[in-house]
N, C-alpha and C. Protein backbone atom coordinates (compact mmCIF):
# COMPACT_ATOMS: atom_id res chain seq x y z
N MET A 1 -28.18 -30.68 -10.12
CA MET A 1 -29.36 -29.89 -10.25
C MET A 1 -30.55 -30.75 -10.87
N LEU A 2 -30.09 -31.65 -11.83
CA LEU A 2 -31.03 -32.50 -12.48
C LEU A 2 -31.58 -33.52 -11.45
N LEU A 3 -30.69 -33.97 -10.61
CA LEU A 3 -31.07 -34.91 -9.58
C LEU A 3 -32.04 -34.37 -8.58
N ILE A 4 -31.66 -33.11 -8.14
CA ILE A 4 -32.58 -32.43 -7.17
C ILE A 4 -33.98 -32.20 -7.86
N GLY A 5 -33.94 -31.79 -9.13
CA GLY A 5 -35.28 -31.57 -9.80
C GLY A 5 -36.08 -32.89 -9.76
N TRP A 6 -35.44 -33.93 -10.12
CA TRP A 6 -36.09 -35.24 -10.25
C TRP A 6 -36.56 -35.62 -8.86
N SER A 7 -35.79 -35.41 -7.84
CA SER A 7 -36.27 -35.71 -6.51
C SER A 7 -37.45 -34.97 -6.06
N ALA A 8 -37.50 -33.61 -6.56
CA ALA A 8 -38.60 -32.83 -6.19
C ALA A 8 -39.89 -33.25 -6.87
N VAL A 9 -39.75 -33.62 -8.17
CA VAL A 9 -40.98 -34.27 -8.88
C VAL A 9 -41.49 -35.46 -8.33
N LEU A 10 -40.43 -36.39 -7.86
CA LEU A 10 -40.76 -37.56 -7.12
C LEU A 10 -41.50 -37.32 -5.83
N ALA A 11 -41.05 -36.38 -5.07
CA ALA A 11 -41.61 -36.04 -3.83
C ALA A 11 -42.98 -35.54 -3.96
N ILE A 12 -43.24 -34.72 -5.01
CA ILE A 12 -44.53 -34.10 -5.29
C ILE A 12 -45.55 -35.17 -5.63
N SER A 13 -45.04 -36.16 -6.51
CA SER A 13 -45.89 -37.21 -7.00
C SER A 13 -46.31 -38.18 -5.89
N MET A 14 -45.30 -38.32 -4.95
CA MET A 14 -45.64 -39.34 -3.88
C MET A 14 -46.56 -38.63 -2.80
N ALA A 15 -46.38 -37.40 -2.61
CA ALA A 15 -47.19 -36.74 -1.56
C ALA A 15 -48.44 -36.16 -2.14
N GLY A 16 -48.65 -36.22 -3.40
CA GLY A 16 -49.90 -35.67 -4.05
C GLY A 16 -51.15 -36.26 -3.55
N PRO A 17 -51.21 -37.68 -3.42
CA PRO A 17 -52.43 -38.16 -2.85
C PRO A 17 -52.76 -37.75 -1.47
N TYR A 18 -51.71 -37.34 -0.70
CA TYR A 18 -52.06 -36.84 0.70
C TYR A 18 -52.63 -35.47 0.69
N ALA A 19 -52.13 -34.66 -0.22
CA ALA A 19 -52.67 -33.25 -0.40
C ALA A 19 -54.09 -33.31 -0.89
N GLY A 20 -54.40 -34.30 -1.75
CA GLY A 20 -55.76 -34.49 -2.32
C GLY A 20 -56.09 -33.34 -3.19
N SER A 21 -57.43 -33.08 -3.14
CA SER A 21 -57.84 -31.89 -4.00
C SER A 21 -57.88 -30.57 -3.21
N ASN A 22 -57.38 -30.65 -1.91
CA ASN A 22 -57.27 -29.42 -1.18
C ASN A 22 -56.32 -28.46 -1.75
N PRO A 23 -56.70 -27.27 -2.31
CA PRO A 23 -55.66 -26.31 -2.92
C PRO A 23 -54.74 -25.82 -1.84
N LEU A 24 -55.06 -25.65 -0.68
CA LEU A 24 -54.21 -25.14 0.48
C LEU A 24 -53.05 -26.24 0.64
N GLY A 25 -53.44 -27.49 0.68
CA GLY A 25 -52.52 -28.55 0.95
C GLY A 25 -51.57 -28.68 -0.27
N GLN A 26 -52.00 -28.56 -1.48
CA GLN A 26 -51.18 -28.55 -2.62
C GLN A 26 -50.09 -27.50 -2.65
N VAL A 27 -50.61 -26.28 -2.28
CA VAL A 27 -49.59 -25.08 -2.15
C VAL A 27 -48.63 -25.29 -1.15
N LEU A 28 -49.11 -25.82 -0.03
CA LEU A 28 -48.11 -26.10 1.13
C LEU A 28 -47.12 -27.10 0.71
N LEU A 29 -47.58 -28.14 -0.03
CA LEU A 29 -46.57 -29.15 -0.42
C LEU A 29 -45.61 -28.61 -1.45
N LEU A 30 -46.12 -27.67 -2.32
CA LEU A 30 -45.17 -27.16 -3.32
C LEU A 30 -44.11 -26.25 -2.60
N VAL A 31 -44.60 -25.48 -1.60
CA VAL A 31 -43.70 -24.61 -0.89
C VAL A 31 -42.71 -25.45 -0.11
N LEU A 32 -43.13 -26.54 0.55
CA LEU A 32 -42.22 -27.34 1.35
C LEU A 32 -41.16 -28.01 0.36
N VAL A 33 -41.56 -28.47 -0.77
CA VAL A 33 -40.62 -29.12 -1.75
C VAL A 33 -39.63 -28.03 -2.23
N ALA A 34 -40.13 -26.87 -2.64
CA ALA A 34 -39.28 -25.82 -3.13
C ALA A 34 -38.35 -25.38 -2.03
N GLY A 35 -38.76 -25.27 -0.77
CA GLY A 35 -37.85 -24.86 0.26
C GLY A 35 -36.87 -25.89 0.50
N ALA A 36 -37.12 -27.13 0.47
CA ALA A 36 -36.16 -28.26 0.56
C ALA A 36 -35.09 -28.20 -0.61
N ALA A 37 -35.58 -27.96 -1.77
CA ALA A 37 -34.66 -27.89 -2.84
C ALA A 37 -33.74 -26.68 -2.74
N ALA A 38 -34.33 -25.58 -2.24
CA ALA A 38 -33.52 -24.30 -2.14
C ALA A 38 -32.46 -24.60 -1.07
N VAL A 39 -32.77 -25.33 0.05
CA VAL A 39 -31.70 -25.61 1.05
C VAL A 39 -30.64 -26.47 0.51
N VAL A 40 -31.06 -27.48 -0.30
CA VAL A 40 -30.08 -28.44 -0.87
C VAL A 40 -29.13 -27.83 -1.87
N ILE A 41 -29.71 -26.85 -2.62
CA ILE A 41 -28.95 -26.15 -3.62
C ILE A 41 -28.14 -25.00 -2.99
N GLY A 42 -28.79 -24.22 -2.14
CA GLY A 42 -28.15 -23.11 -1.46
C GLY A 42 -27.03 -23.30 -0.49
N THR A 43 -27.09 -24.39 0.26
CA THR A 43 -26.08 -24.81 1.22
C THR A 43 -24.67 -24.77 0.66
N PRO A 44 -24.46 -25.64 -0.40
CA PRO A 44 -23.10 -25.60 -1.02
C PRO A 44 -22.71 -24.30 -1.51
N LEU A 45 -23.64 -23.47 -2.13
CA LEU A 45 -23.31 -22.21 -2.65
C LEU A 45 -22.88 -21.22 -1.50
N LEU A 46 -23.61 -21.28 -0.35
CA LEU A 46 -23.27 -20.55 0.76
C LEU A 46 -21.98 -20.85 1.34
N ILE A 47 -21.73 -22.12 1.55
CA ILE A 47 -20.36 -22.65 2.06
C ILE A 47 -19.35 -22.14 1.07
N ALA A 48 -19.42 -22.27 -0.27
CA ALA A 48 -18.39 -21.79 -1.19
C ALA A 48 -18.17 -20.34 -1.05
N SER A 49 -19.27 -19.54 -0.91
CA SER A 49 -19.09 -18.05 -0.71
C SER A 49 -18.40 -17.73 0.48
N LEU A 50 -18.70 -18.32 1.61
CA LEU A 50 -18.07 -18.02 2.91
C LEU A 50 -16.59 -18.46 2.83
N THR A 51 -16.29 -19.58 2.12
CA THR A 51 -14.89 -20.08 1.98
C THR A 51 -14.13 -19.08 1.22
N ARG A 52 -14.70 -18.55 0.06
CA ARG A 52 -14.06 -17.51 -0.67
C ARG A 52 -13.78 -16.15 0.04
N VAL A 53 -14.73 -15.77 0.85
CA VAL A 53 -14.50 -14.62 1.67
C VAL A 53 -13.42 -14.79 2.70
N ASP A 54 -13.42 -15.97 3.37
CA ASP A 54 -12.37 -16.26 4.35
C ASP A 54 -10.99 -16.43 3.60
N ARG A 55 -10.86 -17.02 2.42
CA ARG A 55 -9.78 -17.09 1.74
C ARG A 55 -9.16 -15.60 1.31
N GLU A 56 -10.12 -14.77 0.96
CA GLU A 56 -9.66 -13.36 0.58
C GLU A 56 -9.08 -12.67 1.89
N GLN A 57 -9.76 -12.86 2.99
CA GLN A 57 -9.41 -12.17 4.29
C GLN A 57 -7.99 -12.83 4.64
N THR A 58 -7.82 -14.07 4.47
CA THR A 58 -6.51 -14.69 4.82
C THR A 58 -5.45 -14.09 3.91
N GLN A 59 -5.70 -13.94 2.65
CA GLN A 59 -4.70 -13.44 1.76
C GLN A 59 -4.40 -11.98 2.08
N ASP A 60 -5.42 -11.19 2.42
CA ASP A 60 -5.20 -9.86 2.80
C ASP A 60 -4.32 -9.76 4.05
N ALA A 61 -4.57 -10.66 5.07
CA ALA A 61 -3.70 -10.67 6.22
C ALA A 61 -2.26 -11.05 5.88
N HIS A 62 -2.19 -12.04 4.97
CA HIS A 62 -0.83 -12.49 4.63
C HIS A 62 -0.07 -11.32 3.85
N ASP A 63 -0.81 -10.59 2.96
CA ASP A 63 -0.11 -9.43 2.29
C ASP A 63 0.30 -8.32 3.33
N ASP A 64 -0.57 -8.15 4.27
CA ASP A 64 -0.19 -7.18 5.39
C ASP A 64 1.10 -7.61 6.17
N VAL A 65 1.14 -8.93 6.43
CA VAL A 65 2.32 -9.36 7.16
C VAL A 65 3.56 -9.23 6.26
N ARG A 66 3.40 -9.53 4.95
CA ARG A 66 4.56 -9.46 4.03
C ARG A 66 5.10 -8.01 3.86
N GLN A 67 3.96 -7.10 3.78
CA GLN A 67 4.43 -5.67 3.71
C GLN A 67 5.12 -5.19 4.93
N ARG A 68 4.63 -5.59 6.17
CA ARG A 68 5.31 -5.21 7.37
C ARG A 68 6.74 -5.79 7.45
N PHE A 69 6.87 -7.07 6.97
CA PHE A 69 8.23 -7.71 6.99
C PHE A 69 9.10 -7.00 6.06
N ALA A 70 8.63 -6.64 4.89
CA ALA A 70 9.52 -5.88 3.88
C ALA A 70 9.80 -4.59 4.36
N ALA A 71 8.90 -3.97 5.00
CA ALA A 71 9.19 -2.58 5.55
C ALA A 71 10.26 -2.71 6.63
N HIS A 72 10.03 -3.61 7.50
CA HIS A 72 11.06 -3.75 8.52
C HIS A 72 12.57 -4.08 7.98
N LEU A 73 12.58 -4.94 6.96
CA LEU A 73 13.80 -5.19 6.36
C LEU A 73 14.36 -3.91 5.74
N HIS A 74 13.52 -3.23 5.11
CA HIS A 74 14.07 -1.94 4.43
C HIS A 74 14.43 -1.07 5.54
N ASP A 75 13.75 -0.88 6.57
CA ASP A 75 14.19 0.13 7.54
C ASP A 75 15.40 -0.27 8.42
N SER A 76 15.56 -1.54 8.59
CA SER A 76 16.72 -2.00 9.48
C SER A 76 17.86 -2.63 8.69
N VAL A 77 17.56 -3.77 8.14
CA VAL A 77 18.60 -4.56 7.51
C VAL A 77 19.37 -3.89 6.40
N LEU A 78 18.56 -3.35 5.49
CA LEU A 78 19.14 -2.64 4.27
C LEU A 78 19.84 -1.32 4.76
N GLN A 79 19.39 -0.64 5.76
CA GLN A 79 20.08 0.57 6.18
C GLN A 79 21.39 0.12 6.82
N THR A 80 21.42 -1.03 7.60
CA THR A 80 22.62 -1.51 8.22
C THR A 80 23.57 -1.86 7.16
N LEU A 81 23.15 -2.44 6.15
CA LEU A 81 24.05 -2.87 5.06
C LEU A 81 24.64 -1.60 4.38
N ALA A 82 23.80 -0.64 4.25
CA ALA A 82 24.44 0.68 3.68
C ALA A 82 25.54 1.15 4.68
N LEU A 83 25.27 1.13 5.85
CA LEU A 83 26.24 1.51 6.87
C LEU A 83 27.53 0.71 6.97
N VAL A 84 27.30 -0.54 6.77
CA VAL A 84 28.46 -1.45 6.61
C VAL A 84 29.32 -1.09 5.44
N GLN A 85 28.66 -0.80 4.41
CA GLN A 85 29.41 -0.45 3.15
C GLN A 85 30.21 0.82 3.36
N ARG A 86 29.60 1.79 4.09
CA ARG A 86 30.38 3.04 4.40
C ARG A 86 31.51 2.79 5.48
N GLN A 87 31.34 1.77 6.29
CA GLN A 87 32.33 1.51 7.34
C GLN A 87 33.26 0.30 6.94
N ALA A 88 33.33 0.04 5.68
CA ALA A 88 34.09 -1.16 5.17
C ALA A 88 35.56 -1.05 5.65
N HIS A 89 36.06 0.09 5.83
CA HIS A 89 37.47 0.22 6.28
C HIS A 89 37.65 -0.05 7.70
N ASP A 90 36.65 -0.13 8.52
CA ASP A 90 36.78 -0.26 9.97
C ASP A 90 36.08 -1.65 10.30
N PRO A 91 36.86 -2.81 10.35
CA PRO A 91 36.32 -4.10 10.69
C PRO A 91 35.53 -4.11 12.01
N ALA A 92 35.99 -3.40 13.01
CA ALA A 92 35.42 -3.38 14.32
C ALA A 92 34.03 -2.82 14.16
N ALA A 93 33.95 -1.68 13.47
CA ALA A 93 32.57 -1.02 13.40
C ALA A 93 31.63 -1.89 12.55
N VAL A 94 32.09 -2.54 11.53
CA VAL A 94 31.30 -3.45 10.76
C VAL A 94 30.81 -4.64 11.59
N ALA A 95 31.62 -5.16 12.48
CA ALA A 95 31.26 -6.34 13.28
C ALA A 95 30.19 -5.84 14.36
N ARG A 96 30.43 -4.61 14.85
CA ARG A 96 29.52 -4.06 15.87
C ARG A 96 28.05 -3.85 15.11
N LEU A 97 28.03 -3.29 13.96
CA LEU A 97 26.83 -3.01 13.22
C LEU A 97 26.14 -4.37 12.98
N ALA A 98 26.93 -5.34 12.45
CA ALA A 98 26.38 -6.66 12.17
C ALA A 98 25.73 -7.35 13.39
N ARG A 99 26.46 -7.31 14.55
CA ARG A 99 26.06 -7.80 15.75
C ARG A 99 24.72 -7.15 16.27
N ARG A 100 24.66 -5.91 16.18
CA ARG A 100 23.50 -5.05 16.60
C ARG A 100 22.38 -5.42 15.76
N GLN A 101 22.51 -5.56 14.43
CA GLN A 101 21.42 -5.84 13.44
C GLN A 101 20.97 -7.12 13.65
N GLU A 102 21.73 -8.18 13.89
CA GLU A 102 21.34 -9.54 14.12
C GLU A 102 20.48 -9.58 15.31
N HIS A 103 20.95 -8.88 16.43
CA HIS A 103 20.18 -8.94 17.63
C HIS A 103 18.83 -8.24 17.47
N ALA A 104 18.83 -7.17 16.77
CA ALA A 104 17.53 -6.42 16.59
C ALA A 104 16.56 -7.34 15.67
N LEU A 105 17.12 -7.96 14.67
CA LEU A 105 16.29 -8.77 13.76
C LEU A 105 15.69 -9.94 14.48
N ARG A 106 16.52 -10.61 15.32
CA ARG A 106 16.05 -11.76 16.02
C ARG A 106 14.99 -11.31 17.05
N ALA A 107 15.16 -10.23 17.78
CA ALA A 107 14.10 -9.70 18.69
C ALA A 107 12.86 -9.32 17.97
N TRP A 108 12.97 -8.71 16.78
CA TRP A 108 11.75 -8.43 15.99
C TRP A 108 11.04 -9.63 15.58
N MET A 109 11.74 -10.64 15.11
CA MET A 109 11.14 -11.81 14.77
C MET A 109 10.40 -12.63 15.93
N ALA A 110 10.92 -12.38 17.10
CA ALA A 110 10.43 -13.04 18.22
C ALA A 110 9.26 -12.28 18.84
N GLY A 111 8.93 -11.17 18.23
CA GLY A 111 7.74 -10.31 18.66
C GLY A 111 8.14 -9.23 19.65
N GLU A 112 9.34 -9.09 19.87
CA GLU A 112 9.82 -8.04 20.77
C GLU A 112 10.05 -6.83 20.08
N THR A 113 9.74 -5.65 20.47
CA THR A 113 10.11 -4.45 19.76
C THR A 113 11.27 -3.82 20.37
N GLU A 114 12.09 -3.31 19.52
CA GLU A 114 13.42 -2.79 20.02
C GLU A 114 13.71 -1.55 19.12
N LEU A 115 14.09 -0.49 19.74
CA LEU A 115 14.52 0.67 18.99
C LEU A 115 16.09 0.74 19.00
N VAL A 116 16.65 0.68 17.85
CA VAL A 116 18.08 0.69 17.81
C VAL A 116 18.55 2.13 17.45
N GLY A 117 19.53 2.63 18.13
CA GLY A 117 20.04 4.05 18.01
C GLY A 117 20.07 4.70 19.35
N ASP A 118 21.19 5.28 19.66
CA ASP A 118 21.20 5.98 20.84
C ASP A 118 20.48 7.28 20.97
N THR A 119 20.45 7.97 19.84
CA THR A 119 19.83 9.33 19.92
C THR A 119 19.00 9.38 18.58
N LEU A 120 18.12 10.47 18.45
CA LEU A 120 17.41 10.70 17.24
C LEU A 120 18.45 10.99 16.13
N GLY A 121 19.42 11.88 16.50
CA GLY A 121 20.37 12.24 15.51
C GLY A 121 21.17 11.07 14.92
N ALA A 122 21.52 10.12 15.85
CA ALA A 122 22.16 8.87 15.37
C ALA A 122 21.25 8.10 14.48
N ALA A 123 20.04 8.05 14.86
CA ALA A 123 19.07 7.26 14.08
C ALA A 123 18.87 7.79 12.63
N LEU A 124 19.11 9.10 12.47
CA LEU A 124 18.89 9.82 11.15
C LEU A 124 20.12 9.63 10.36
N ARG A 125 21.35 9.60 10.69
CA ARG A 125 22.68 9.24 9.99
C ARG A 125 22.62 9.49 8.44
N ASP A 126 22.21 10.78 7.89
CA ASP A 126 22.24 11.14 6.41
C ASP A 126 22.98 12.41 6.20
N ASP A 127 24.04 12.34 5.43
CA ASP A 127 24.90 13.63 5.09
C ASP A 127 24.92 13.80 3.62
N GLY A 128 23.80 13.19 2.90
CA GLY A 128 23.82 13.19 1.50
C GLY A 128 23.66 14.54 0.85
N ALA A 129 24.04 14.71 -0.40
CA ALA A 129 24.04 16.02 -1.07
C ALA A 129 22.68 16.32 -1.85
N GLY A 130 21.75 15.33 -1.75
CA GLY A 130 20.56 15.44 -2.47
C GLY A 130 20.59 14.68 -3.76
N PHE A 131 19.40 14.69 -4.46
CA PHE A 131 19.41 13.90 -5.69
C PHE A 131 18.09 14.39 -6.53
N ASP A 132 18.09 14.01 -7.67
CA ASP A 132 16.92 14.49 -8.56
C ASP A 132 15.92 13.36 -8.51
N LEU A 133 14.74 13.70 -7.97
CA LEU A 133 13.57 12.73 -7.79
C LEU A 133 13.12 12.22 -9.21
N ALA A 134 13.26 12.98 -10.17
CA ALA A 134 12.87 12.52 -11.54
C ALA A 134 13.62 11.46 -12.17
N THR A 135 14.90 11.39 -11.60
CA THR A 135 15.82 10.35 -12.24
C THR A 135 15.87 9.03 -11.39
N VAL A 136 15.10 8.98 -10.33
CA VAL A 136 15.11 7.75 -9.55
C VAL A 136 14.38 6.66 -10.42
N PRO A 137 15.03 5.43 -10.59
CA PRO A 137 14.41 4.45 -11.37
C PRO A 137 13.10 3.85 -10.76
N ALA A 138 12.19 3.37 -11.47
CA ALA A 138 11.00 2.93 -10.99
C ALA A 138 11.09 1.70 -10.04
N GLU A 139 12.11 1.00 -10.20
CA GLU A 139 12.38 -0.26 -9.31
C GLU A 139 12.92 0.09 -8.02
N ARG A 140 13.40 1.39 -7.84
CA ARG A 140 13.83 1.89 -6.56
C ARG A 140 12.66 2.44 -5.87
N ARG A 141 12.09 1.67 -4.91
CA ARG A 141 10.76 2.05 -4.44
C ARG A 141 10.78 2.65 -3.02
N GLY A 142 11.97 2.89 -2.47
CA GLY A 142 12.17 3.28 -1.18
C GLY A 142 11.36 4.56 -0.75
N ILE A 143 11.40 5.52 -1.59
CA ILE A 143 10.64 6.83 -1.31
C ILE A 143 9.13 6.52 -1.53
N ARG A 144 8.79 5.98 -2.64
CA ARG A 144 7.46 5.80 -3.01
C ARG A 144 6.78 4.85 -2.02
N ASP A 145 7.31 3.73 -1.67
CA ASP A 145 6.69 2.75 -0.83
C ASP A 145 6.97 2.97 0.64
N ALA A 146 8.28 3.14 1.10
CA ALA A 146 8.61 3.20 2.40
C ALA A 146 8.20 4.44 3.07
N ILE A 147 8.27 5.53 2.35
CA ILE A 147 7.96 6.90 2.95
C ILE A 147 6.54 7.30 2.60
N VAL A 148 6.27 7.59 1.27
CA VAL A 148 5.01 8.15 0.93
C VAL A 148 3.86 7.06 1.13
N GLY A 149 4.12 5.88 0.66
CA GLY A 149 3.12 4.81 0.81
C GLY A 149 2.79 4.48 2.29
N ARG A 150 3.69 4.27 3.12
CA ARG A 150 3.53 3.98 4.40
C ARG A 150 2.84 5.08 5.24
N MET A 151 3.14 6.32 4.95
CA MET A 151 2.42 7.42 5.59
C MET A 151 1.03 7.51 5.16
N ALA A 152 0.79 7.30 3.88
CA ALA A 152 -0.67 7.22 3.42
C ALA A 152 -1.54 6.21 3.97
N ALA A 153 -0.78 5.04 4.21
CA ALA A 153 -1.42 3.85 4.85
C ALA A 153 -1.85 4.15 6.29
N ALA A 154 -1.01 4.93 6.85
CA ALA A 154 -1.32 5.37 8.32
C ALA A 154 -2.21 6.55 8.40
N GLY A 155 -2.63 7.12 7.31
CA GLY A 155 -3.58 8.18 7.41
C GLY A 155 -2.93 9.54 7.36
N GLY A 156 -1.66 9.57 6.82
CA GLY A 156 -0.84 10.83 6.79
C GLY A 156 -0.38 11.11 5.32
N SER A 157 0.56 11.87 5.25
CA SER A 157 1.11 12.25 3.89
C SER A 157 2.73 12.49 4.11
N ALA A 158 3.39 12.45 3.05
CA ALA A 158 4.80 12.72 3.03
C ALA A 158 5.14 13.44 1.79
N THR A 159 5.95 14.39 1.93
CA THR A 159 6.48 15.18 0.72
C THR A 159 8.00 15.13 0.77
N VAL A 160 8.65 14.93 -0.40
CA VAL A 160 10.02 14.85 -0.44
C VAL A 160 10.54 15.93 -1.41
N GLU A 161 11.41 16.81 -0.88
CA GLU A 161 12.01 17.85 -1.79
C GLU A 161 13.51 17.61 -1.74
N SER A 162 14.04 17.45 -3.04
CA SER A 162 15.47 17.19 -3.01
C SER A 162 15.98 17.80 -4.36
N ALA A 163 17.26 18.14 -4.27
CA ALA A 163 17.97 18.70 -5.45
C ALA A 163 19.43 18.38 -5.28
N PRO A 164 20.05 17.99 -6.39
CA PRO A 164 21.48 17.64 -6.21
C PRO A 164 22.34 18.88 -5.77
N GLY A 165 23.12 18.66 -4.79
CA GLY A 165 23.88 19.67 -4.20
C GLY A 165 23.31 20.48 -3.19
N GLU A 166 22.00 20.25 -2.98
CA GLU A 166 21.32 21.08 -1.89
C GLU A 166 20.74 20.28 -0.78
N GLY A 167 20.79 18.93 -0.92
CA GLY A 167 20.31 18.03 0.24
C GLY A 167 18.88 17.60 -0.01
N THR A 168 18.31 17.08 0.92
CA THR A 168 16.93 16.54 0.88
C THR A 168 16.15 16.84 2.10
N GLU A 169 14.97 17.26 1.89
CA GLU A 169 13.92 17.58 3.04
C GLU A 169 12.76 16.64 2.88
N VAL A 170 12.49 15.94 3.95
CA VAL A 170 11.32 15.12 3.99
C VAL A 170 10.38 15.62 5.01
N ALA A 171 9.14 15.92 4.67
CA ALA A 171 8.11 16.27 5.64
C ALA A 171 7.05 15.23 5.80
N LEU A 172 6.85 14.80 7.02
CA LEU A 172 5.92 13.88 7.33
C LEU A 172 4.82 14.43 8.10
N ARG A 173 3.54 14.22 7.69
CA ARG A 173 2.43 14.67 8.48
C ARG A 173 1.46 13.41 8.74
N LEU A 174 1.08 13.37 10.06
CA LEU A 174 0.20 12.32 10.42
C LEU A 174 -0.95 12.85 11.09
N GLY A 175 -2.11 12.64 10.62
CA GLY A 175 -3.37 13.18 11.23
C GLY A 175 -4.17 13.97 10.20
N PRO A 176 -4.98 14.90 10.67
CA PRO A 176 -5.96 15.55 9.75
C PRO A 176 -5.13 16.43 8.79
N ALA A 177 -5.69 16.80 7.67
CA ALA A 177 -5.06 17.54 6.71
C ALA A 177 -4.75 18.93 7.21
N GLU A 178 -3.69 19.54 6.64
CA GLU A 178 -3.23 20.84 7.04
C GLU A 178 -4.24 21.90 6.74
N PRO A 179 -4.57 22.86 7.65
CA PRO A 179 -5.50 23.90 7.35
C PRO A 179 -5.04 24.74 6.19
N ALA A 180 -6.04 25.40 5.55
CA ALA A 180 -5.75 26.25 4.39
C ALA A 180 -4.80 27.32 4.87
N ALA A 181 -4.07 27.94 3.90
CA ALA A 181 -2.99 28.92 4.17
C ALA A 181 -3.59 30.12 4.95
N GLY A 182 -4.73 30.60 4.72
CA GLY A 182 -5.33 31.77 5.43
C GLY A 182 -5.83 31.36 6.72
N ALA A 183 -6.08 30.16 7.15
CA ALA A 183 -6.72 29.63 8.33
C ALA A 183 -5.72 29.48 9.48
N ARG A 184 -4.48 29.70 9.26
CA ARG A 184 -3.53 29.46 10.38
C ARG A 184 -3.44 30.47 11.46
C-alpha cells in the first residue's frame, strides 16, 4: 500500500507540469491516478475473493460427495453386514451376500446404478420387534441422518413410530406438505 501511494505521488508530481494550471486537467490527472491505484489494489483482492468462493464451492461439492458415499455405504454395505451376521450359520448364504455386495459396490463406484433385491419385500427384510426411540444413542445416526435427514434434503419428511414389542412404522413423504386434516 505504501509503495502504491508513493507511486501515485510520484506520478502526480511528474504529470503535474503537463496538467498546468488547468483545473480540469488536474482533476482528470487525479482521477486517472486514483483509478490506476484502485486497479492495482483491487485486482489481488478480487482474485482472492474469487478464489475463496471457488474453494467454498469445491468444499461443498466434496462434502456432498462424501455424504452420498456415506449414505450408500450405510444403505448397502452395512445392511449386508447385518444380513451376514444373521446368516452366519449358513456359509453359502454368507458367500452369496458378500459376492452380491461386492458386485454392487464395484458397479456403484464405476458410476453404474444397480438395484439389489428381487422384490420390494426382499429389499425391506425387517422382522424386528420395535425399539424405544428415546434410548437410541446420539452416535447411532441411522434414523436421524439416513432417514429423516435425507428425506429433508430431498424436500420431504419422515416420521418414525416405534415401541418395543410393537414393531416400527416409518412414513416417508416426498413433495408438498400434507393438507390440513379438514381439507382432505
